C-alpha atoms as a PDB file:
ATOM      1  CA  MET A   1     -64.514  42.200  34.883  1.00  0.00           C
ATOM      2  CA  SER A   2     -60.810  41.438  35.096  1.00  0.00           C
ATOM      3  CA  VAL A   3     -59.211  39.080  32.628  1.00  0.00           C
ATOM      4  CA  GLN A   4     -57.286  36.280  34.241  1.00  0.00           C
ATOM      5  CA  PRO A   5     -53.851  35.657  32.635  1.00  0.00           C
ATOM      6  CA  THR A   6     -53.560  32.368  30.809  1.00  0.00           C
ATOM      7  CA  PRO A   7     -51.224  30.057  32.738  1.00  0.00           C
ATOM      8  CA  ALA A   8     -48.114  28.971  30.901  1.00  0.00           C
ATOM      9  CA  PRO A   9     -48.312  25.390  29.664  1.00  0.00           C
ATOM     10  CA  ALA A  10     -46.425  22.883  31.756  1.00  0.00           C
ATOM     11  CA  PHE A  11     -43.022  21.944  30.360  1.00  0.00           C
ATOM     12  CA  THR A  12     -42.901  18.399  29.034  1.00  0.00           C
ATOM     13  CA  PRO A  13     -39.509  16.927  28.050  1.00  0.00           C
ATOM     14  CA  PRO A  14     -39.496  15.347  24.596  1.00  0.00           C
ATOM     15  CA  ALA A  15     -39.775  11.580  24.424  1.00  0.00           C
ATOM     16  CA  ARG A  16     -36.773  11.581  22.146  1.00  0.00           C
ATOM     17  CA  LEU A  17     -34.184  14.209  21.269  1.00  0.00           C
ATOM     18  CA  SER A  18     -34.139  15.386  17.670  1.00  0.00           C
ATOM     19  CA  ARG A  19     -31.364  14.385  15.297  1.00  0.00           C
ATOM     20  CA  GLY A  20     -30.249  18.002  15.165  1.00  0.00           C
ATOM     21  CA  THR A  21     -29.758  18.119  18.931  1.00  0.00           C
ATOM     22  CA  VAL A  22     -27.901  14.796  18.957  1.00  0.00           C
ATOM     23  CA  LEU A  23     -25.623  16.042  16.163  1.00  0.00           C
ATOM     24  CA  ARG A  24     -24.971  19.346  17.933  1.00  0.00           C
ATOM     25  CA  VAL A  25     -23.903  17.525  21.101  1.00  0.00           C
ATOM     26  CA  PHE A  26     -21.460  15.372  19.132  1.00  0.00           C
ATOM     27  CA  LEU A  27     -19.961  18.318  17.235  1.00  0.00           C
ATOM     28  CA  ARG A  28     -19.534  20.249  20.472  1.00  0.00           C
ATOM     29  CA  SER A  29     -17.774  17.253  22.037  1.00  0.00           C
ATOM     30  CA  LEU A  30     -14.962  17.750  19.500  1.00  0.00           C
ATOM     31  CA  PHE A  31     -14.057  20.896  21.478  1.00  0.00           C
ATOM     32  CA  LEU A  32     -13.933  19.073  24.808  1.00  0.00           C
ATOM     33  CA  GLN A  33     -10.451  20.363  25.641  1.00  0.00           C
ATOM     34  CA  ALA A  34     -10.902  23.903  24.342  1.00  0.00           C
ATOM     35  CA  SER A  35     -11.646  25.149  27.867  1.00  0.00           C
ATOM     36  CA  TRP A  36      -9.337  22.799  29.775  1.00  0.00           C
ATOM     37  CA  ASN A  37      -8.524  24.153  33.226  1.00  0.00           C
ATOM     38  CA  PRO A  38      -6.374  22.931  36.136  1.00  0.00           C
ATOM     39  CA  LYS A  39      -9.285  22.608  38.574  1.00  0.00           C
ATOM     40  CA  GLY A  40     -12.013  20.824  36.658  1.00  0.00           C
ATOM     41  CA  MET A  41      -9.914  19.842  33.610  1.00  0.00           C
ATOM     42  CA  GLN A  42     -12.516  18.888  30.953  1.00  0.00           C
ATOM     43  CA  ASN A  43     -15.609  19.795  32.990  1.00  0.00           C
ATOM     44  CA  LEU A  44     -16.409  23.005  31.085  1.00  0.00           C
ATOM     45  CA  GLY A  45     -16.003  21.218  27.773  1.00  0.00           C
ATOM     46  CA  LEU A  46     -18.382  18.461  28.891  1.00  0.00           C
ATOM     47  CA  ALA A  47     -21.014  20.918  30.099  1.00  0.00           C
ATOM     48  CA  TYR A  48     -20.703  22.860  26.837  1.00  0.00           C
ATOM     49  CA  ALA A  49     -21.092  19.655  24.802  1.00  0.00           C
ATOM     50  CA  VAL A  50     -24.243  18.372  26.501  1.00  0.00           C
ATOM     51  CA  TYR A  51     -25.941  21.765  26.949  1.00  0.00           C
ATOM     52  CA  PRO A  52     -28.073  21.539  23.749  1.00  0.00           C
ATOM     53  CA  ALA A  53     -29.604  18.344  25.173  1.00  0.00           C
ATOM     54  CA  LEU A  54     -30.153  19.882  28.619  1.00  0.00           C
ATOM     55  CA  GLU A  55     -31.823  22.850  26.938  1.00  0.00           C
ATOM     56  CA  ARG A  56     -34.425  20.526  25.396  1.00  0.00           C
ATOM     57  CA  LEU A  57     -34.889  18.333  28.448  1.00  0.00           C
ATOM     58  CA  TYR A  58     -35.333  20.925  31.223  1.00  0.00           C
ATOM     59  CA  PRO A  59     -37.256  24.213  31.439  1.00  0.00           C
ATOM     60  CA  PRO A  60     -35.372  27.447  32.146  1.00  0.00           C
ATOM     61  CA  GLY A  61     -34.810  27.861  35.854  1.00  0.00           C
ATOM     62  CA  PRO A  62     -33.659  25.726  38.775  1.00  0.00           C
ATOM     63  CA  GLN A  63     -33.995  22.360  37.018  1.00  0.00           C
ATOM     64  CA  ARG A  64     -31.804  23.325  34.094  1.00  0.00           C
ATOM     65  CA  GLU A  65     -29.295  25.053  36.358  1.00  0.00           C
ATOM     66  CA  ALA A  66     -29.032  21.926  38.526  1.00  0.00           C
ATOM     67  CA  ALA A  67     -28.503  19.794  35.402  1.00  0.00           C
ATOM     68  CA  VAL A  68     -25.664  22.045  34.220  1.00  0.00           C
ATOM     69  CA  ARG A  69     -24.064  22.184  37.672  1.00  0.00           C
ATOM     70  CA  ARG A  70     -23.782  18.415  37.985  1.00  0.00           C
ATOM     71  CA  HIS A  71     -21.579  18.431  34.881  1.00  0.00           C
ATOM     72  CA  LEU A  72     -19.304  21.178  36.180  1.00  0.00           C
ATOM     73  CA  VAL A  73     -17.633  18.859  38.685  1.00  0.00           C
ATOM     74  CA  PHE A  74     -14.198  17.400  37.973  1.00  0.00           C
ATOM     75  CA  PHE A  75     -14.056  15.426  34.730  1.00  0.00           C
ATOM     76  CA  ASN A  76     -11.025  14.107  32.869  1.00  0.00           C
ATOM     77  CA  THR A  77     -10.608  11.248  30.420  1.00  0.00           C
ATOM     78  CA  HIS A  78      -9.145  10.582  26.984  1.00  0.00           C
ATOM     79  CA  PRO A  79     -10.549  13.287  24.662  1.00  0.00           C
ATOM     80  CA  TYR A  80     -11.485  10.832  21.894  1.00  0.00           C
ATOM     81  CA  VAL A  81     -13.027   8.076  24.011  1.00  0.00           C
ATOM     82  CA  ALA A  82     -14.890  10.782  25.944  1.00  0.00           C
ATOM     83  CA  ALA A  83     -17.461  10.606  23.122  1.00  0.00           C
ATOM     84  CA  ALA A  84     -18.797   7.411  24.719  1.00  0.00           C
ATOM     85  CA  ILE A  85     -19.306   9.186  28.052  1.00  0.00           C
ATOM     86  CA  VAL A  86     -20.909  12.204  26.373  1.00  0.00           C
ATOM     87  CA  GLY A  87     -23.400   9.905  24.665  1.00  0.00           C
ATOM     88  CA  GLY A  88     -24.038   8.057  27.926  1.00  0.00           C
ATOM     89  CA  VAL A  89     -24.623  11.339  29.777  1.00  0.00           C
ATOM     90  CA  VAL A  90     -27.293  12.333  27.262  1.00  0.00           C
ATOM     91  CA  ASN A  91     -28.885   8.892  27.634  1.00  0.00           C
ATOM     92  CA  HIS A  92     -29.048   9.253  31.435  1.00  0.00           C
ATOM     93  CA  GLU A  93     -30.247  12.864  31.325  1.00  0.00           C
ATOM     94  CA  GLN A  94     -33.220  11.828  29.184  1.00  0.00           C
ATOM     95  CA  LYS A  95     -34.189   9.263  31.821  1.00  0.00           C
ATOM     96  CA  ILE A  96     -33.712  11.804  34.639  1.00  0.00           C
ATOM     97  CA  ALA A  97     -35.915  14.329  32.832  1.00  0.00           C
ATOM     98  CA  ARG A  98     -38.668  11.675  32.495  1.00  0.00           C
ATOM     99  CA  GLY A  99     -38.396  10.803  36.184  1.00  0.00           C
ATOM    100  CA  GLU A 100     -37.026   7.318  35.557  1.00  0.00           C
ATOM    101  CA  GLU A 101     -33.699   7.936  37.332  1.00  0.00           C
ATOM    102  CA  THR A 102     -32.204  10.137  40.007  1.00  0.00           C
ATOM    103  CA  PRO A 103     -29.399  12.595  39.154  1.00  0.00           C
ATOM    104  CA  ASP A 104     -26.815  10.614  41.112  1.00  0.00           C
ATOM    105  CA  ARG A 105     -26.922   7.906  38.390  1.00  0.00           C
ATOM    106  CA  VAL A 106     -25.352  10.129  35.753  1.00  0.00           C
ATOM    107  CA  VAL A 107     -22.767  11.445  38.224  1.00  0.00           C
ATOM    108  CA  GLY A 108     -21.781   7.890  39.140  1.00  0.00           C
ATOM    109  CA  PHE A 109     -21.717   6.901  35.459  1.00  0.00           C
ATOM    110  CA  LYS A 110     -19.106   9.545  34.672  1.00  0.00           C
ATOM    111  CA  ALA A 111     -17.017   8.860  37.766  1.00  0.00           C
ATOM    112  CA  ALA A 112     -16.940   5.115  37.103  1.00  0.00           C
ATOM    113  CA  LEU A 113     -15.942   5.287  33.435  1.00  0.00           C
ATOM    114  CA  MET A 114     -13.626   8.247  32.981  1.00  0.00           C
ATOM    115  CA  GLY A 115     -10.575   6.469  34.481  1.00  0.00           C
ATOM    116  CA  PRO A 116     -10.824   3.112  32.677  1.00  0.00           C
ATOM    117  CA  LEU A 117     -11.715   4.757  29.353  1.00  0.00           C
ATOM    118  CA  ALA A 118      -8.771   7.150  29.730  1.00  0.00           C
ATOM    119  CA  ALA A 119      -6.393   4.180  30.013  1.00  0.00           C
ATOM    120  CA  LEU A 120      -8.095   2.446  27.082  1.00  0.00           C
ATOM    121  CA  GLY A 121      -7.846   5.535  24.890  1.00  0.00           C
ATOM    122  CA  ASP A 122      -4.229   6.242  25.785  1.00  0.00           C
ATOM    123  CA  GLY A 123      -3.219   2.681  24.943  1.00  0.00           C
ATOM    124  CA  PHE A 124      -5.025   2.602  21.606  1.00  0.00           C
ATOM    125  CA  PHE A 125      -4.685   6.124  20.210  1.00  0.00           C
ATOM    126  CA  TRP A 126      -1.433   7.456  21.680  1.00  0.00           C
ATOM    127  CA  LEU A 127       0.553   4.208  21.964  1.00  0.00           C
ATOM    128  CA  SER A 128      -0.807   2.241  18.989  1.00  0.00           C
ATOM    129  CA  LEU A 129      -2.682   4.171  16.300  1.00  0.00           C
ATOM    130  CA  LYS A 130      -0.423   7.227  16.161  1.00  0.00           C
ATOM    131  CA  PRO A 131       2.879   5.248  16.014  1.00  0.00           C
ATOM    132  CA  ALA A 132       1.398   2.828  13.453  1.00  0.00           C
ATOM    133  CA  VAL A 133       0.117   5.520  11.096  1.00  0.00           C
ATOM    134  CA  GLY A 134       3.239   7.626  11.683  1.00  0.00           C
ATOM    135  CA  GLY A 135       5.584   4.715  10.986  1.00  0.00           C
ATOM    136  CA  LEU A 136       3.646   3.663   7.885  1.00  0.00           C
ATOM    137  CA  CYS A 137       3.607   7.182   6.462  1.00  0.00           C
ATOM    138  CA  ALA A 138       7.286   7.699   7.310  1.00  0.00           C
ATOM    139  CA  ALA A 139       8.057   4.531   5.379  1.00  0.00           C
ATOM    140  CA  MET A 140       6.114   5.997   2.438  1.00  0.00           C
ATOM    141  CA  VAL A 141       8.244   9.176   2.313  1.00  0.00           C
ATOM    142  CA  PRO A 142      10.608   7.748  -0.348  1.00  0.00           C
ATOM    143  CA  LEU A 143       7.575   7.193  -2.600  1.00  0.00           C
ATOM    144  CA  LEU A 144       5.268  10.092  -1.692  1.00  0.00           C
ATOM    145  CA  GLY A 145       7.613  12.788  -0.437  1.00  0.00           C
ATOM    146  CA  VAL A 146       5.784  15.568   1.415  1.00  0.00           C
ATOM    147  CA  TRP A 147       2.412  13.981   0.531  1.00  0.00           C
ATOM    148  CA  ALA A 148       3.152  11.394   3.224  1.00  0.00           C
ATOM    149  CA  VAL A 149       2.210  14.116   5.742  1.00  0.00           C
ATOM    150  CA  VAL A 150      -1.182  14.513   4.086  1.00  0.00           C
ATOM    151  CA  LEU A 151      -1.624  10.735   4.092  1.00  0.00           C
ATOM    152  CA  PHE A 152      -0.887  10.670   7.828  1.00  0.00           C
ATOM    153  CA  LEU A 153      -3.505  13.323   8.565  1.00  0.00           C
ATOM    154  CA  VAL A 154      -6.132  11.583   6.439  1.00  0.00           C
ATOM    155  CA  LEU A 155      -5.557   8.071   7.818  1.00  0.00           C
ATOM    156  CA  TYR A 156      -5.226   9.062  11.461  1.00  0.00           C
ATOM    157  CA  ASN A 157      -8.235  11.365  11.513  1.00  0.00           C
ATOM    158  CA  LEU A 158     -10.362   8.954   9.501  1.00  0.00           C
ATOM    159  CA  VAL A 159      -9.870   6.208  12.101  1.00  0.00           C
ATOM    160  CA  HIS A 160     -10.176   8.516  15.084  1.00  0.00           C
ATOM    161  CA  LEU A 161     -13.327  10.260  13.857  1.00  0.00           C
ATOM    162  CA  LEU A 162     -15.080   7.016  12.886  1.00  0.00           C
ATOM    163  CA  LEU A 163     -14.308   5.549  16.309  1.00  0.00           C
ATOM    164  CA  ARG A 164     -15.501   8.723  17.992  1.00  0.00           C
ATOM    165  CA  ILE A 165     -18.820   8.541  16.141  1.00  0.00           C
ATOM    166  CA  ARG A 166     -19.269   4.874  16.987  1.00  0.00           C
ATOM    167  CA  LEU A 167     -18.455   5.349  20.667  1.00  0.00           C
ATOM    168  CA  TYR A 168     -20.816   8.336  20.912  1.00  0.00           C
ATOM    169  CA  TRP A 169     -23.630   6.325  19.374  1.00  0.00           C
ATOM    170  CA  LEU A 170     -22.970   3.377  21.703  1.00  0.00           C
ATOM    171  CA  GLY A 171     -23.153   5.640  24.753  1.00  0.00           C
ATOM    172  CA  LEU A 172     -26.253   7.417  23.485  1.00  0.00           C
ATOM    173  CA  SER A 173     -28.172   4.233  22.702  1.00  0.00           C
ATOM    174  CA  LEU A 174     -26.940   1.901  25.451  1.00  0.00           C
ATOM    175  CA  GLY A 175     -26.210   4.027  28.528  1.00  0.00           C
ATOM    176  CA  ASP A 176     -24.817   1.782  31.266  1.00  0.00           C
ATOM    177  CA  ARG A 177     -24.605  -1.162  28.840  1.00  0.00           C
ATOM    178  CA  LEU A 178     -21.897   0.788  27.040  1.00  0.00           C
ATOM    179  CA  VAL A 179     -19.242  -1.111  29.021  1.00  0.00           C
ATOM    180  CA  GLU A 180     -20.078  -4.461  27.417  1.00  0.00           C
ATOM    181  CA  ALA A 181     -20.228  -2.902  23.950  1.00  0.00           C
ATOM    182  CA  VAL A 182     -16.816  -1.244  24.328  1.00  0.00           C
ATOM    183  CA  ALA A 183     -15.374  -4.535  25.588  1.00  0.00           C
ATOM    184  CA  ARG A 184     -16.623  -6.241  22.404  1.00  0.00           C
ATOM    185  CA  VAL A 185     -14.809  -3.663  20.273  1.00  0.00           C
ATOM    186  CA  ASN A 186     -11.609  -5.101  21.829  1.00  0.00           C
ATOM    187  CA  LEU A 187      -9.385  -2.059  21.350  1.00  0.00           C
ATOM    188  CA  PRO A 188      -6.386  -3.619  23.199  1.00  0.00           C
ATOM    189  CA  ALA A 189      -6.149  -6.452  20.638  1.00  0.00           C
ATOM    190  CA  LYS A 190      -6.460  -4.006  17.755  1.00  0.00           C
ATOM    191  CA  GLY A 191      -3.813  -1.834  19.405  1.00  0.00           C
ATOM    192  CA  ALA A 192      -1.403  -4.777  19.594  1.00  0.00           C
ATOM    193  CA  ARG A 193      -1.773  -5.347  15.847  1.00  0.00           C
ATOM    194  CA  LEU A 194      -1.233  -1.664  15.175  1.00  0.00           C
ATOM    195  CA  ARG A 195       1.973  -1.710  17.215  1.00  0.00           C
ATOM    196  CA  GLY A 196       3.132  -4.576  14.985  1.00  0.00           C
ATOM    197  CA  VAL A 197       2.451  -2.382  11.944  1.00  0.00           C
ATOM    198  CA  ALA A 198       4.455   0.436  13.573  1.00  0.00           C
ATOM    199  CA  ALA A 199       7.423  -1.860  14.258  1.00  0.00           C
ATOM    200  CA  ALA A 200       7.380  -3.323  10.734  1.00  0.00           C
ATOM    201  CA  SER A 201       7.145   0.135   9.160  1.00  0.00           C
ATOM    202  CA  ALA A 202      10.007   1.468  11.269  1.00  0.00           C
ATOM    203  CA  GLY A 203      12.143  -1.582  10.450  1.00  0.00           C
ATOM    204  CA  GLY A 204      11.440  -1.250   6.738  1.00  0.00           C
ATOM    205  CA  LEU A 205      12.319   2.440   6.811  1.00  0.00           C
ATOM    206  CA  ALA A 206      15.546   1.732   8.720  1.00  0.00           C
ATOM    207  CA  ALA A 207      16.543  -0.888   6.157  1.00  0.00           C
ATOM    208  CA  TRP A 208      15.823   1.469   3.271  1.00  0.00           C
ATOM    209  CA  LEU A 209      17.837   4.263   4.895  1.00  0.00           C
ATOM    210  CA  ALA A 210      20.773   1.917   5.554  1.00  0.00           C
ATOM    211  CA  VAL A 211      20.822   0.713   1.961  1.00  0.00           C
ATOM    212  CA  SER A 212      20.253   4.175   0.478  1.00  0.00           C
ATOM    213  CA  PHE A 213      22.821   6.030   2.558  1.00  0.00           C
ATOM    214  CA  GLY A 214      25.309   3.205   2.463  1.00  0.00           C
ATOM    215  CA  THR A 215      25.123   2.869  -1.324  1.00  0.00           C
ATOM    216  CA  THR A 216      25.367   6.627  -1.820  1.00  0.00           C
ATOM    217  CA  ALA A 217      28.482   6.691   0.327  1.00  0.00           C
ATOM    218  CA  GLY A 218      29.964   3.823  -1.641  1.00  0.00           C
ATOM    219  CA  GLY A 219      29.619   1.289   1.136  1.00  0.00           C
ATOM    220  CA  THR A 220      29.564  -2.231  -0.309  1.00  0.00           C
ATOM    221  CA  TRP A 221      28.417  -3.626   3.036  1.00  0.00           C
ATOM    222  CA  ALA A 222      25.224  -1.536   3.091  1.00  0.00           C
ATOM    223  CA  PRO A 223      22.833  -4.355   2.058  1.00  0.00           C
ATOM    224  CA  PHE A 224      24.331  -6.644   4.708  1.00  0.00           C
ATOM    225  CA  LEU A 225      23.968  -3.893   7.292  1.00  0.00           C
ATOM    226  CA  ALA A 226      20.290  -3.516   6.410  1.00  0.00           C
ATOM    227  CA  VAL A 227      19.696  -7.244   6.745  1.00  0.00           C
ATOM    228  CA  GLY A 228      21.571  -7.204  10.030  1.00  0.00           C
ATOM    229  CA  CYS A 229      19.347  -4.421  11.381  1.00  0.00           C
ATOM    230  CA  LEU A 230      16.250  -6.424  10.550  1.00  0.00           C
ATOM    231  CA  ALA A 231      17.760  -9.588  12.017  1.00  0.00           C
ATOM    232  CA  VAL A 232      18.531  -7.814  15.291  1.00  0.00           C
ATOM    233  CA  GLY A 233      14.943  -6.572  15.446  1.00  0.00           C
ATOM    234  CA  VAL A 234      13.536 -10.058  14.877  1.00  0.00           C
ATOM    235  CA  LEU A 235      15.964 -11.579  17.382  1.00  0.00           C
ATOM    236  CA  ALA A 236      15.049  -8.980  19.997  1.00  0.00           C
ATOM    237  CA  TYR A 237      11.347  -9.679  19.461  1.00  0.00           C
ATOM    238  CA  VAL A 238      11.850 -13.433  19.894  1.00  0.00           C
ATOM    239  CA  LEU A 239      14.009 -13.028  22.996  1.00  0.00           C
ATOM    240  CA  VAL A 240      11.581 -10.641  24.695  1.00  0.00           C
ATOM    241  CA  ASN A 241       8.640 -12.943  23.928  1.00  0.00           C
ATOM    242  CA  ARG A 242      10.544 -15.793  25.593  1.00  0.00           C
ATOM    243  CA  ARG A 243      11.010 -13.747  28.757  1.00  0.00           C
ATOM    244  CA  VAL A 244      14.727 -13.266  28.234  1.00  0.00           C
ATOM    245  CA  PRO A 245      15.920 -10.373  30.447  1.00  0.00           C
ATOM    246  CA  THR A 246      16.178  -7.054  28.656  1.00  0.00           C
ATOM    247  CA  TYR A 247      19.858  -6.615  29.511  1.00  0.00           C
ATOM    248  CA  VAL A 248      20.662  -9.811  27.558  1.00  0.00           C
ATOM    249  CA  VAL A 249      18.979  -8.345  24.480  1.00  0.00           C
ATOM    250  CA  LEU A 250      20.983  -5.133  24.899  1.00  0.00           C
ATOM    251  CA  TYR A 251      24.250  -7.090  25.215  1.00  0.00           C
ATOM    252  CA  VAL A 252      23.459  -9.033  22.037  1.00  0.00           C
ATOM    253  CA  ALA A 253      22.659  -5.829  20.145  1.00  0.00           C
ATOM    254  CA  ALA A 254      25.837  -4.146  21.414  1.00  0.00           C
ATOM    255  CA  GLY A 255      27.932  -7.163  20.442  1.00  0.00           C
ATOM    256  CA  LEU A 256      26.518  -7.193  16.922  1.00  0.00           C
ATOM    257  CA  ALA A 257      27.102  -3.451  16.620  1.00  0.00           C
ATOM    258  CA  CYS A 258      30.751  -3.894  17.618  1.00  0.00           C
ATOM    259  CA  ALA A 259      31.131  -6.726  15.102  1.00  0.00           C
ATOM    260  CA  ALA A 260      29.613  -4.580  12.363  1.00  0.00           C
ATOM    261  CA  GLY A 261      31.935  -1.697  13.264  1.00  0.00           C
ATOM    262  CA  ALA A 262      34.967  -3.968  12.972  1.00  0.00           C
ATOM    263  CA  PHE A 263      34.106  -4.928   9.407  1.00  0.00           C
ATOM    264  CA  LEU A 264      32.741  -1.627   8.048  1.00  0.00           C
END
């Protein structure tokens, strides 16, 4: 009498991914650009990041291979804000594995968000947060010396990592509703305030340098020069806000520079 082999149990995707898997996906997303390439850009990094989730959601074989392949298409966005898309991809893949969605939903999700989120991330991180923290820490050099570099690294990475975690969690828990949640965060308004911090820090540093160097060189006009620098900055800000053409601002600055040169 032959013994019939016991059939392998059918694969059932988990109702919910474990915390360990969710954490692994986030940690892997930090290396999104480690395999950047000219053809797919961040596609390999994205597939690498979400693979621990795909491993739990699909059995070995065609289903898992198809899931990996749909994340090997072109993908490129801001590397920090990409955390929101990574979380959203995991959210959609769980629904696809349960049969609640078709695979084209997650492909469309990525295609729709990577452009707008790239612009949002560039404006906040590259054009606002980095200049603000850099200007603030540069202004602290007279007090902290080389420790200002350490302060920059701590402040910048603290903000960027906390935002990355929050965006990842929003994508993971909300999926398509991520758009409304990111809009409520209002990064453009926060970026505008950070650019104000950058301008104030740079102006304060310029004034300190003018006074310090001028006094060291024996220049009695150094304090007036510092005040003049700040006044020009304030005047330029007011003129630009009132839609005065840029060339007028440049002429005013040049005229004040010539006047300062005549007296110093």
